[in-house]
Amino acid sequence: MKGKVFLLRAFLFVAFCLAGCDSDGSEPSDPGDTTPPTVAVTAPQAGTEVAEVLVITVDAFDNEGVERIELWVGGSLEGIDRDSPWEFDWNTRAVDNGARTFIVKAFDAAGNEAETQPIDIEVSNVATVTFIGGAESRVAVTLSGGTPGFSLRRGERLIYSDPEQDSLSYEAVTGGFFPSRVEVGWAGVLDLRDGRNRDLRFDVSPSYALFALDNNSTQEEVFTLVFEYANGEEVSVFTSVPTGERVEMGYIPTDSLVEVHNYSYLGQTTWGAGTDFTLSSRVNQIVTLTYPRP
């Protein structure tokens, strides 16, 4: 009799599983759950002007439990949250300034979903421009709109922002004491209406080299440095380097530069053997010339 009872119980278990057990023998989620969650955005309110990182807070409830909520901005999925309290940190700098619309969707384990009404907001970020000195010598920068100019050494940064400006014009030059025709320059106009942050780095092409003078002598006087090119052109540069100091003179094109021809003291050539200047490294570099002791 006990064997029959056992068989009957086994039959009932198999029948039960065929009727509704998952393949692993566990009970499935309630197939009869057709009740969708409720979901509402508590902040921000429609029409709010927002900037930087916007915190979106949400109330969500379901009779069987909320599985997740999703943030959709302009038809694109921007975030998923699976744990209460329900909220999103949305970086508004990822989009341009202007009107944006978002909704939040809530889902339960049975696949039921609900979504909020579309919420309109206004993204209004102030664009910042980070100027970065990439040249080996100091870069002098001039900005439009009466903003004071500034200079940057290699690796130095300056951050500019102005909520009243829709655009920014800039001019920059590096080259030290060289005449303007052999300085390296940049110029441009930045459209700031999108509110995006950006970096502007002043790097010098590998076809230029920075020359520096070290005065290792006991005298302080005016030096003449002569650059000779393959086409026979010579460029002379004049500067004054105090005793025991170094002066960064500026950049000069190296594509057809043959040699540094000479430099002189009080008009007399004191070093004229020349310096071969054929560059093959294809990297910008500093060439230092040391004025010899007498």
C-alpha atoms as a PDB file:
ATOM      1  CA  MET A   1       0.000   0.000   0.000  1.00  0.00           C
ATOM      2  CA  LYS A   2       2.849   2.407   0.817  1.00  0.00           C
ATOM      3  CA  GLY A   3       4.322   1.808  -2.622  1.00  0.00           C
ATOM      4  CA  LYS A   4       1.097   2.840  -4.276  1.00  0.00           C
ATOM      5  CA  VAL A   5       0.964   5.989  -2.217  1.00  0.00           C
ATOM      6  CA  PHE A   6       4.540   6.800  -3.242  1.00  0.00           C
ATOM      7  CA  LEU A   7       3.735   6.271  -6.915  1.00  0.00           C
ATOM      8  CA  LEU A   8       0.672   8.453  -6.587  1.00  0.00           C
ATOM      9  CA  ARG A   9       2.706  11.259  -5.019  1.00  0.00           C
ATOM     10  CA  ALA A  10       5.373  11.012  -7.748  1.00  0.00           C
ATOM     11  CA  PHE A  11       2.673  11.151 -10.415  1.00  0.00           C
ATOM     12  CA  LEU A  12       1.146  14.243  -8.852  1.00  0.00           C
ATOM     13  CA  PHE A  13       4.566  15.970  -8.652  1.00  0.00           C
ATOM     14  CA  VAL A  14       5.307  15.265 -12.350  1.00  0.00           C
ATOM     15  CA  ALA A  15       1.843  16.479 -13.316  1.00  0.00           C
ATOM     16  CA  PHE A  16       2.353  19.639 -11.245  1.00  0.00           C
ATOM     17  CA  CYS A  17       5.694  20.372 -12.921  1.00  0.00           C
ATOM     18  CA  LEU A  18       4.295  19.760 -16.378  1.00  0.00           C
ATOM     19  CA  ALA A  19       1.561  22.198 -15.547  1.00  0.00           C
ATOM     20  CA  GLY A  20       3.757  25.018 -14.356  1.00  0.00           C
ATOM     21  CA  CYS A  21       7.306  24.321 -13.069  1.00  0.00           C
ATOM     22  CA  ASP A  22      10.388  25.845 -14.716  1.00  0.00           C
ATOM     23  CA  SER A  23      12.978  23.440 -16.159  1.00  0.00           C
ATOM     24  CA  ASP A  24      14.964  23.617 -12.910  1.00  0.00           C
ATOM     25  CA  GLY A  25      11.934  22.576 -10.850  1.00  0.00           C
ATOM     26  CA  SER A  26      11.402  26.013  -9.324  1.00  0.00           C
ATOM     27  CA  GLU A  27       8.104  27.832  -9.448  1.00  0.00           C
ATOM     28  CA  PRO A  28       7.919  30.422 -12.251  1.00  0.00           C
ATOM     29  CA  SER A  29       6.866  34.039 -11.825  1.00  0.00           C
ATOM     30  CA  ASP A  30       3.145  34.466 -11.652  1.00  0.00           C
ATOM     31  CA  PRO A  31       1.941  34.216 -15.260  1.00  0.00           C
ATOM     32  CA  GLY A  32      -1.226  35.916 -14.160  1.00  0.00           C
ATOM     33  CA  ASP A  33       0.511  39.207 -13.193  1.00  0.00           C
ATOM     34  CA  THR A  34      -0.737  41.726 -15.721  1.00  0.00           C
ATOM     35  CA  THR A  35      -0.671  44.760 -13.472  1.00  0.00           C
ATOM     36  CA  PRO A  36       1.841  47.357 -14.732  1.00  0.00           C
ATOM     37  CA  PRO A  37       3.999  49.398 -12.349  1.00  0.00           C
ATOM     38  CA  THR A  38       3.305  53.012 -11.538  1.00  0.00           C
ATOM     39  CA  VAL A  39       6.089  55.527 -12.155  1.00  0.00           C
ATOM     40  CA  ALA A  40       6.444  59.296 -11.731  1.00  0.00           C
ATOM     41  CA  VAL A  41       9.329  61.787 -11.907  1.00  0.00           C
ATOM     42  CA  THR A  42       9.603  63.836  -8.713  1.00  0.00           C
ATOM     43  CA  ALA A  43      12.415  66.117  -9.954  1.00  0.00           C
ATOM     44  CA  PRO A  44      13.074  68.087 -12.056  1.00  0.00           C
ATOM     45  CA  GLN A  45       9.790  69.704 -12.938  1.00  0.00           C
ATOM     46  CA  ALA A  46       8.818  70.317 -16.559  1.00  0.00           C
ATOM     47  CA  GLY A  47      10.217  73.577 -17.897  1.00  0.00           C
ATOM     48  CA  THR A  48      13.242  73.579 -15.576  1.00  0.00           C
ATOM     49  CA  GLU A  49      16.517  75.072 -16.859  1.00  0.00           C
ATOM     50  CA  VAL A  50      19.310  72.591 -16.134  1.00  0.00           C
ATOM     51  CA  ALA A  51      23.095  72.395 -16.438  1.00  0.00           C
ATOM     52  CA  GLU A  52      26.058  70.206 -15.527  1.00  0.00           C
ATOM     53  CA  VAL A  53      24.983  66.873 -13.934  1.00  0.00           C
ATOM     54  CA  LEU A  54      21.210  66.672 -13.525  1.00  0.00           C
ATOM     55  CA  VAL A  55      19.856  64.417 -10.753  1.00  0.00           C
ATOM     56  CA  ILE A  56      16.531  62.892 -11.825  1.00  0.00           C
ATOM     57  CA  THR A  57      14.552  61.363  -8.940  1.00  0.00           C
ATOM     58  CA  VAL A  58      11.736  58.890  -9.511  1.00  0.00           C
ATOM     59  CA  ASP A  59       8.901  57.216  -7.569  1.00  0.00           C
ATOM     60  CA  ALA A  60       8.102  53.709  -8.831  1.00  0.00           C
ATOM     61  CA  PHE A  61       5.850  50.978  -7.382  1.00  0.00           C
ATOM     62  CA  ASP A  62       4.599  47.556  -8.442  1.00  0.00           C
ATOM     63  CA  ASN A  63       2.422  44.978  -6.687  1.00  0.00           C
ATOM     64  CA  GLU A  64       5.085  42.286  -7.288  1.00  0.00           C
ATOM     65  CA  GLY A  65       8.098  44.633  -7.126  1.00  0.00           C
ATOM     66  CA  VAL A  66       9.837  46.919  -9.621  1.00  0.00           C
ATOM     67  CA  GLU A  67      12.669  45.173 -11.462  1.00  0.00           C
ATOM     68  CA  ARG A  68      14.255  48.236 -13.085  1.00  0.00           C
ATOM     69  CA  ILE A  69      13.646  51.735 -14.397  1.00  0.00           C
ATOM     70  CA  GLU A  70      15.103  53.295 -17.559  1.00  0.00           C
ATOM     71  CA  LEU A  71      15.871  56.889 -18.556  1.00  0.00           C
ATOM     72  CA  TRP A  72      15.175  57.796 -22.175  1.00  0.00           C
ATOM     73  CA  VAL A  73      16.271  61.206 -23.523  1.00  0.00           C
ATOM     74  CA  GLY A  74      15.160  62.184 -27.000  1.00  0.00           C
ATOM     75  CA  GLY A  75      14.429  58.566 -27.883  1.00  0.00           C
ATOM     76  CA  SER A  76      17.805  57.220 -26.696  1.00  0.00           C
ATOM     77  CA  LEU A  77      18.394  55.041 -23.643  1.00  0.00           C
ATOM     78  CA  GLU A  78      20.635  57.018 -21.274  1.00  0.00           C
ATOM     79  CA  GLY A  79      20.556  54.981 -18.059  1.00  0.00           C
ATOM     80  CA  ILE A  80      19.210  51.956 -16.149  1.00  0.00           C
ATOM     81  CA  ASP A  81      18.648  51.768 -12.389  1.00  0.00           C
ATOM     82  CA  ARG A  82      17.885  48.433 -10.698  1.00  0.00           C
ATOM     83  CA  ASP A  83      17.857  49.502  -7.066  1.00  0.00           C
ATOM     84  CA  SER A  84      15.736  51.796  -4.938  1.00  0.00           C
ATOM     85  CA  PRO A  85      15.912  54.724  -4.283  1.00  0.00           C
ATOM     86  CA  TRP A  86      15.260  55.315  -7.964  1.00  0.00           C
ATOM     87  CA  GLU A  87      17.324  58.085  -9.540  1.00  0.00           C
ATOM     88  CA  PHE A  88      19.678  58.971 -12.398  1.00  0.00           C
ATOM     89  CA  ASP A  89      22.716  61.264 -12.678  1.00  0.00           C
ATOM     90  CA  TRP A  90      22.550  62.566 -16.244  1.00  0.00           C
ATOM     91  CA  ASN A  91      25.488  64.590 -17.595  1.00  0.00           C
ATOM     92  CA  THR A  92      23.846  67.354 -19.620  1.00  0.00           C
ATOM     93  CA  ARG A  93      27.199  68.325 -21.147  1.00  0.00           C
ATOM     94  CA  ALA A  94      26.873  65.254 -23.355  1.00  0.00           C
ATOM     95  CA  VAL A  95      24.314  67.181 -25.430  1.00  0.00           C
ATOM     96  CA  ASP A  96      24.163  70.651 -26.948  1.00  0.00           C
ATOM     97  CA  ASN A  97      22.306  73.459 -25.257  1.00  0.00           C
ATOM     98  CA  GLY A  98      18.603  73.714 -26.013  1.00  0.00           C
ATOM     99  CA  ALA A  99      15.266  72.026 -25.376  1.00  0.00           C
ATOM    100  CA  ARG A 100      15.350  68.345 -24.410  1.00  0.00           C
ATOM    101  CA  THR A 101      12.587  65.839 -23.611  1.00  0.00           C
ATOM    102  CA  PHE A 102      12.932  62.758 -21.410  1.00  0.00           C
ATOM    103  CA  ILE A 103      10.726  59.973 -20.069  1.00  0.00           C
ATOM    104  CA  VAL A 104      11.247  57.273 -17.445  1.00  0.00           C
ATOM    105  CA  LYS A 105      10.052  53.706 -17.925  1.00  0.00           C
ATOM    106  CA  ALA A 106       9.420  51.148 -15.142  1.00  0.00           C
ATOM    107  CA  PHE A 107       9.385  47.354 -15.532  1.00  0.00           C
ATOM    108  CA  ASP A 108       8.339  44.487 -13.276  1.00  0.00           C
ATOM    109  CA  ALA A 109       9.507  40.850 -13.353  1.00  0.00           C
ATOM    110  CA  ALA A 110       6.530  39.774 -15.473  1.00  0.00           C
ATOM    111  CA  GLY A 111       7.509  42.212 -18.224  1.00  0.00           C
ATOM    112  CA  ASN A 112       4.785  44.727 -17.531  1.00  0.00           C
ATOM    113  CA  GLU A 113       5.894  48.290 -18.097  1.00  0.00           C
ATOM    114  CA  ALA A 114       4.740  51.852 -17.618  1.00  0.00           C
ATOM    115  CA  GLU A 115       6.212  55.206 -18.553  1.00  0.00           C
ATOM    116  CA  THR A 116       5.881  58.812 -17.472  1.00  0.00           C
ATOM    117  CA  GLN A 117       4.529  61.621 -19.563  1.00  0.00           C
ATOM    118  CA  PRO A 118       7.265  63.385 -21.598  1.00  0.00           C
ATOM    119  CA  ILE A 119       9.042  66.022 -19.512  1.00  0.00           C
ATOM    120  CA  ASP A 120      10.521  69.054 -21.304  1.00  0.00           C
ATOM    121  CA  ILE A 121      13.627  70.754 -19.888  1.00  0.00           C
ATOM    122  CA  GLU A 122      16.072  73.394 -21.138  1.00  0.00           C
ATOM    123  CA  VAL A 123      19.777  72.510 -21.138  1.00  0.00           C
ATOM    124  CA  SER A 124      21.827  75.675 -20.569  1.00  0.00           C
ATOM    125  CA  ASN A 125      25.517  75.030 -19.966  1.00  0.00           C
ATOM    126  CA  VAL A 126      28.250  77.654 -20.146  1.00  0.00           C
ATOM    127  CA  ALA A 127      31.037  76.457 -22.424  1.00  0.00           C
ATOM    128  CA  THR A 128      34.545  76.443 -20.990  1.00  0.00           C
ATOM    129  CA  VAL A 129      37.710  76.490 -23.081  1.00  0.00           C
ATOM    130  CA  THR A 130      40.929  75.131 -21.591  1.00  0.00           C
ATOM    131  CA  PHE A 131      44.004  76.587 -23.277  1.00  0.00           C
ATOM    132  CA  ILE A 132      46.995  74.255 -22.945  1.00  0.00           C
ATOM    133  CA  GLY A 133      50.612  75.202 -23.579  1.00  0.00           C
ATOM    134  CA  GLY A 134      52.131  72.495 -25.744  1.00  0.00           C
ATOM    135  CA  ALA A 135      55.066  74.415 -27.220  1.00  0.00           C
ATOM    136  CA  GLU A 136      58.527  74.283 -25.713  1.00  0.00           C
ATOM    137  CA  SER A 137      58.655  78.071 -25.451  1.00  0.00           C
ATOM    138  CA  ARG A 138      56.113  80.492 -24.023  1.00  0.00           C
ATOM    139  CA  VAL A 139      52.924  81.023 -26.059  1.00  0.00           C
ATOM    140  CA  ALA A 140      51.327  84.491 -26.023  1.00  0.00           C
ATOM    141  CA  VAL A 141      47.520  84.337 -26.417  1.00  0.00           C
ATOM    142  CA  THR A 142      45.154  87.199 -27.276  1.00  0.00           C
ATOM    143  CA  LEU A 143      41.373  86.804 -26.965  1.00  0.00           C
ATOM    144  CA  SER A 144      38.512  88.792 -28.446  1.00  0.00           C
ATOM    145  CA  GLY A 145      36.052  90.903 -26.481  1.00  0.00           C
ATOM    146  CA  GLY A 146      38.572  92.892 -24.461  1.00  0.00           C
ATOM    147  CA  THR A 147      39.632  89.877 -22.375  1.00  0.00           C
ATOM    148  CA  PRO A 148      43.190  90.380 -21.075  1.00  0.00           C
ATOM    149  CA  GLY A 149      45.820  88.348 -22.872  1.00  0.00           C
ATOM    150  CA  PHE A 150      47.947  85.724 -21.177  1.00  0.00           C
ATOM    151  CA  SER A 151      50.935  83.490 -21.810  1.00  0.00           C
ATOM    152  CA  LEU A 152      51.455  79.771 -21.322  1.00  0.00           C
ATOM    153  CA  ARG A 153      54.536  77.674 -20.829  1.00  0.00           C
ATOM    154  CA  ARG A 154      54.587  74.014 -21.772  1.00  0.00           C
ATOM    155  CA  GLY A 155      52.031  72.086 -19.709  1.00  0.00           C
ATOM    156  CA  GLU A 156      50.400  75.198 -18.242  1.00  0.00           C
ATOM    157  CA  ARG A 157      46.618  75.583 -18.513  1.00  0.00           C
ATOM    158  CA  LEU A 158      44.175  78.467 -18.418  1.00  0.00           C
ATOM    159  CA  ILE A 159      40.382  77.981 -18.329  1.00  0.00           C
ATOM    160  CA  TYR A 160      38.157  80.579 -20.008  1.00  0.00           C
ATOM    161  CA  SER A 161      34.372  80.881 -19.723  1.00  0.00           C
ATOM    162  CA  ASP A 162      31.940  83.723 -20.320  1.00  0.00           C
ATOM    163  CA  PRO A 163      28.155  83.190 -20.251  1.00  0.00           C
ATOM    164  CA  GLU A 164      27.652  86.400 -22.250  1.00  0.00           C
ATOM    165  CA  GLN A 165      29.712  85.256 -25.250  1.00  0.00           C
ATOM    166  CA  ASP A 166      28.389  83.033 -28.045  1.00  0.00           C
ATOM    167  CA  SER A 167      31.794  82.821 -29.738  1.00  0.00           C
ATOM    168  CA  LEU A 168      35.444  83.418 -28.980  1.00  0.00           C
ATOM    169  CA  SER A 169      38.199  84.603 -31.303  1.00  0.00           C
ATOM    170  CA  TYR A 170      41.793  83.887 -30.378  1.00  0.00           C
ATOM    171  CA  GLU A 171      45.292  84.473 -31.705  1.00  0.00           C
ATOM    172  CA  ALA A 172      48.399  82.869 -30.301  1.00  0.00           C
ATOM    173  CA  VAL A 173      52.067  83.043 -31.194  1.00  0.00           C
ATOM    174  CA  THR A 174      55.277  81.520 -29.949  1.00  0.00           C
ATOM    175  CA  GLY A 175      58.773  82.326 -31.020  1.00  0.00           C
ATOM    176  CA  GLY A 176      60.462  84.499 -28.441  1.00  0.00           C
ATOM    177  CA  PHE A 177      62.748  87.085 -30.006  1.00  0.00           C
ATOM    178  CA  PHE A 178      62.555  85.921 -33.599  1.00  0.00           C
ATOM    179  CA  PRO A 179      61.002  88.206 -36.205  1.00  0.00           C
ATOM    180  CA  SER A 180      57.348  87.446 -36.918  1.00  0.00           C
ATOM    181  CA  ARG A 181      58.028  85.668 -40.195  1.00  0.00           C
ATOM    182  CA  VAL A 182      59.651  82.774 -38.356  1.00  0.00           C
ATOM    183  CA  GLU A 183      57.293  82.637 -35.398  1.00  0.00           C
ATOM    184  CA  VAL A 184      54.682  79.889 -35.117  1.00  0.00           C
ATOM    185  CA  GLY A 185      51.124  81.181 -34.871  1.00  0.00           C
ATOM    186  CA  TRP A 186      47.549  79.994 -34.385  1.00  0.00           C
ATOM    187  CA  ALA A 187      44.236  81.755 -34.890  1.00  0.00           C
ATOM    188  CA  GLY A 188      40.614  80.720 -34.913  1.00  0.00           C
ATOM    189  CA  VAL A 189      37.032  81.277 -33.808  1.00  0.00           C
ATOM    190  CA  LEU A 190      35.219  78.943 -31.390  1.00  0.00           C
ATOM    191  CA  ASP A 191      31.414  78.629 -31.436  1.00  0.00           C
ATOM    192  CA  LEU A 192      30.371  78.377 -27.774  1.00  0.00           C
ATOM    193  CA  ARG A 193      26.603  78.133 -28.222  1.00  0.00           C
ATOM    194  CA  ASP A 194      26.575  74.352 -27.765  1.00  0.00           C
ATOM    195  CA  GLY A 195      27.738  74.733 -24.144  1.00  0.00           C
ATOM    196  CA  ARG A 196      30.333  71.971 -24.572  1.00  0.00           C
ATOM    197  CA  ASN A 197      33.694  72.053 -22.802  1.00  0.00           C
ATOM    198  CA  ARG A 198      36.752  71.779 -25.022  1.00  0.00           C
ATOM    199  CA  ASP A 199      40.543  71.800 -24.929  1.00  0.00           C
ATOM    200  CA  LEU A 200      42.723  73.928 -27.208  1.00  0.00           C
ATOM    201  CA  ARG A 201      46.353  72.820 -27.228  1.00  0.00           C
ATOM    202  CA  PHE A 202      49.172  74.786 -28.854  1.00  0.00           C
ATOM    203  CA  ASP A 203      51.541  72.180 -30.278  1.00  0.00           C
ATOM    204  CA  VAL A 204      54.345  73.001 -32.690  1.00  0.00           C
ATOM    205  CA  SER A 205      54.902  70.937 -35.822  1.00  0.00           C
ATOM    206  CA  PRO A 206      57.994  68.694 -35.978  1.00  0.00           C
ATOM    207  CA  SER A 207      59.193  70.848 -38.881  1.00  0.00           C
ATOM    208  CA  TYR A 208      60.167  73.546 -36.367  1.00  0.00           C
ATOM    209  CA  ALA A 209      62.931  73.589 -33.776  1.00  0.00           C
ATOM    210  CA  LEU A 210      63.289  75.843 -30.770  1.00  0.00           C
ATOM    211  CA  PHE A 211      66.666  77.528 -30.404  1.00  0.00           C
ATOM    212  CA  ALA A 212      68.049  78.580 -27.038  1.00  0.00           C
ATOM    213  CA  LEU A 213      71.238  80.423 -26.147  1.00  0.00           C
ATOM    214  CA  ASP A 214      73.312  79.657 -23.046  1.00  0.00           C
ATOM    215  CA  ASN A 215      75.820  82.368 -22.110  1.00  0.00           C
ATOM    216  CA  ASN A 216      78.661  80.465 -20.504  1.00  0.00           C
ATOM    217  CA  SER A 217      81.103  83.343 -20.928  1.00  0.00           C
ATOM    218  CA  THR A 218      82.201  86.071 -18.524  1.00  0.00           C
ATOM    219  CA  GLN A 219      80.710  88.781 -20.751  1.00  0.00           C
ATOM    220  CA  GLU A 220      77.183  90.118 -21.276  1.00  0.00           C
ATOM    221  CA  GLU A 221      76.622  91.439 -24.765  1.00  0.00           C
ATOM    222  CA  VAL A 222      74.494  91.220 -27.908  1.00  0.00           C
ATOM    223  CA  PHE A 223      74.796  88.010 -29.893  1.00  0.00           C
ATOM    224  CA  THR A 224      74.067  87.485 -33.561  1.00  0.00           C
ATOM    225  CA  LEU A 225      72.809  84.091 -34.657  1.00  0.00           C
ATOM    226  CA  VAL A 226      72.768  83.337 -38.389  1.00  0.00           C
ATOM    227  CA  PHE A 227      70.683  80.515 -39.875  1.00  0.00           C
ATOM    228  CA  GLU A 228      71.670  79.365 -43.355  1.00  0.00           C
ATOM    229  CA  TYR A 229      69.227  77.548 -45.677  1.00  0.00           C
ATOM    230  CA  ALA A 230      69.821  75.265 -48.665  1.00  0.00           C
ATOM    231  CA  ASN A 231      68.640  77.959 -51.103  1.00  0.00           C
ATOM    232  CA  GLY A 232      71.346  80.303 -49.816  1.00  0.00           C
ATOM    233  CA  GLU A 233      68.990  82.394 -47.670  1.00  0.00           C
ATOM    234  CA  GLU A 234      70.361  83.568 -44.351  1.00  0.00           C
ATOM    235  CA  VAL A 235      68.279  84.684 -41.365  1.00  0.00           C
ATOM    236  CA  SER A 236      69.977  86.713 -38.635  1.00  0.00           C
ATOM    237  CA  VAL A 237      68.631  87.004 -35.114  1.00  0.00           C
ATOM    238  CA  PHE A 238      69.830  89.426 -32.455  1.00  0.00           C
ATOM    239  CA  THR A 239      69.404  89.037 -28.725  1.00  0.00           C
ATOM    240  CA  SER A 240      71.105  89.749 -25.420  1.00  0.00           C
ATOM    241  CA  VAL A 241      71.839  86.946 -22.976  1.00  0.00           C
ATOM    242  CA  PRO A 242      73.113  87.852 -19.474  1.00  0.00           C
ATOM    243  CA  THR A 243      76.102  85.964 -18.144  1.00  0.00           C
ATOM    244  CA  GLY A 244      75.232  82.541 -16.797  1.00  0.00           C
ATOM    245  CA  GLU A 245      71.676  82.617 -18.146  1.00  0.00           C
ATOM    246  CA  ARG A 246      69.740  80.924 -20.876  1.00  0.00           C
ATOM    247  CA  VAL A 247      67.262  82.563 -23.240  1.00  0.00           C
ATOM    248  CA  GLU A 248      64.693  80.663 -25.280  1.00  0.00           C
ATOM    249  CA  MET A 249      64.839  82.447 -28.597  1.00  0.00           C
ATOM    250  CA  GLY A 250      62.003  80.910 -30.552  1.00  0.00           C
ATOM    251  CA  TYR A 251      61.091  78.513 -33.337  1.00  0.00           C
ATOM    252  CA  ILE A 252      62.469  78.357 -36.835  1.00  0.00           C
ATOM    253  CA  PRO A 253      61.479  76.101 -39.786  1.00  0.00           C
ATOM    254  CA  THR A 254      63.859  73.192 -40.302  1.00  0.00           C
ATOM    255  CA  ASP A 255      62.663  71.685 -43.592  1.00  0.00           C
ATOM    256  CA  SER A 256      65.476  73.210 -45.620  1.00  0.00           C
ATOM    257  CA  LEU A 257      67.774  74.419 -42.857  1.00  0.00           C
ATOM    258  CA  VAL A 258      71.390  73.424 -43.510  1.00  0.00           C
ATOM    259  CA  GLU A 259      73.278  74.807 -40.535  1.00  0.00           C
ATOM    260  CA  VAL A 260      73.573  77.410 -37.856  1.00  0.00           C
ATOM    261  CA  HIS A 261      76.204  79.455 -39.609  1.00  0.00           C
ATOM    262  CA  ASN A 262      77.728  81.484 -36.782  1.00  0.00           C
ATOM    263  CA  TYR A 263      77.070  83.717 -33.879  1.00  0.00           C
ATOM    264  CA  SER A 264      79.121  86.702 -32.877  1.00  0.00           C
ATOM    265  CA  TYR A 265      80.078  88.993 -30.020  1.00  0.00           C
ATOM    266  CA  LEU A 266      80.324  92.729 -30.663  1.00  0.00           C
ATOM    267  CA  GLY A 267      80.180  92.100 -34.397  1.00  0.00           C
ATOM    268  CA  GLN A 268      83.156  89.723 -34.332  1.00  0.00           C
ATOM    269  CA  THR A 269      82.603  86.079 -35.188  1.00  0.00           C
ATOM    270  CA  THR A 270      83.620  84.021 -32.183  1.00  0.00           C
ATOM    271  CA  TRP A 271      82.182  80.707 -33.316  1.00  0.00           C
ATOM    272  CA  GLY A 272      81.765  79.969 -36.965  1.00  0.00           C
ATOM    273  CA  ALA A 273      82.369  76.277 -37.504  1.00  0.00           C
ATOM    274  CA  GLY A 274      78.671  75.737 -38.201  1.00  0.00           C
ATOM    275  CA  THR A 275      76.265  73.175 -36.855  1.00  0.00           C
ATOM    276  CA  ASP A 276      74.868  70.542 -39.162  1.00  0.00           C
ATOM    277  CA  PHE A 277      71.102  70.646 -38.793  1.00  0.00           C
ATOM    278  CA  THR A 278      69.622  67.766 -40.744  1.00  0.00           C
ATOM    279  CA  LEU A 279      66.657  66.513 -38.705  1.00  0.00           C
ATOM    280  CA  SER A 280      65.576  62.900 -39.053  1.00  0.00           C
ATOM    281  CA  SER A 281      63.788  62.279 -35.750  1.00  0.00           C
ATOM    282  CA  ARG A 282      60.550  63.938 -36.953  1.00  0.00           C
ATOM    283  CA  VAL A 283      59.911  65.301 -33.484  1.00  0.00           C
ATOM    284  CA  ASN A 284      59.969  68.874 -32.325  1.00  0.00           C
ATOM    285  CA  GLN A 285      63.156  69.518 -30.392  1.00  0.00           C
ATOM    286  CA  ILE A 286      65.173  72.169 -28.595  1.00  0.00           C
ATOM    287  CA  VAL A 287      68.595  73.029 -29.971  1.00  0.00           C
ATOM    288  CA  THR A 288      70.805  74.694 -27.377  1.00  0.00           C
ATOM    289  CA  LEU A 289      73.867  76.683 -28.412  1.00  0.00           C
ATOM    290  CA  THR A 290      76.363  77.518 -25.680  1.00  0.00           C
ATOM    291  CA  TYR A 291      78.411  80.673 -25.999  1.00  0.00           C
ATOM    292  CA  PRO A 292      82.007  79.592 -25.204  1.00  0.00           C
ATOM    293  CA  ARG A 293      84.223  81.102 -22.616  1.00  0.00           C
ATOM    294  CA  PRO A 294      87.064  83.184 -24.100  1.00  0.00           C
END
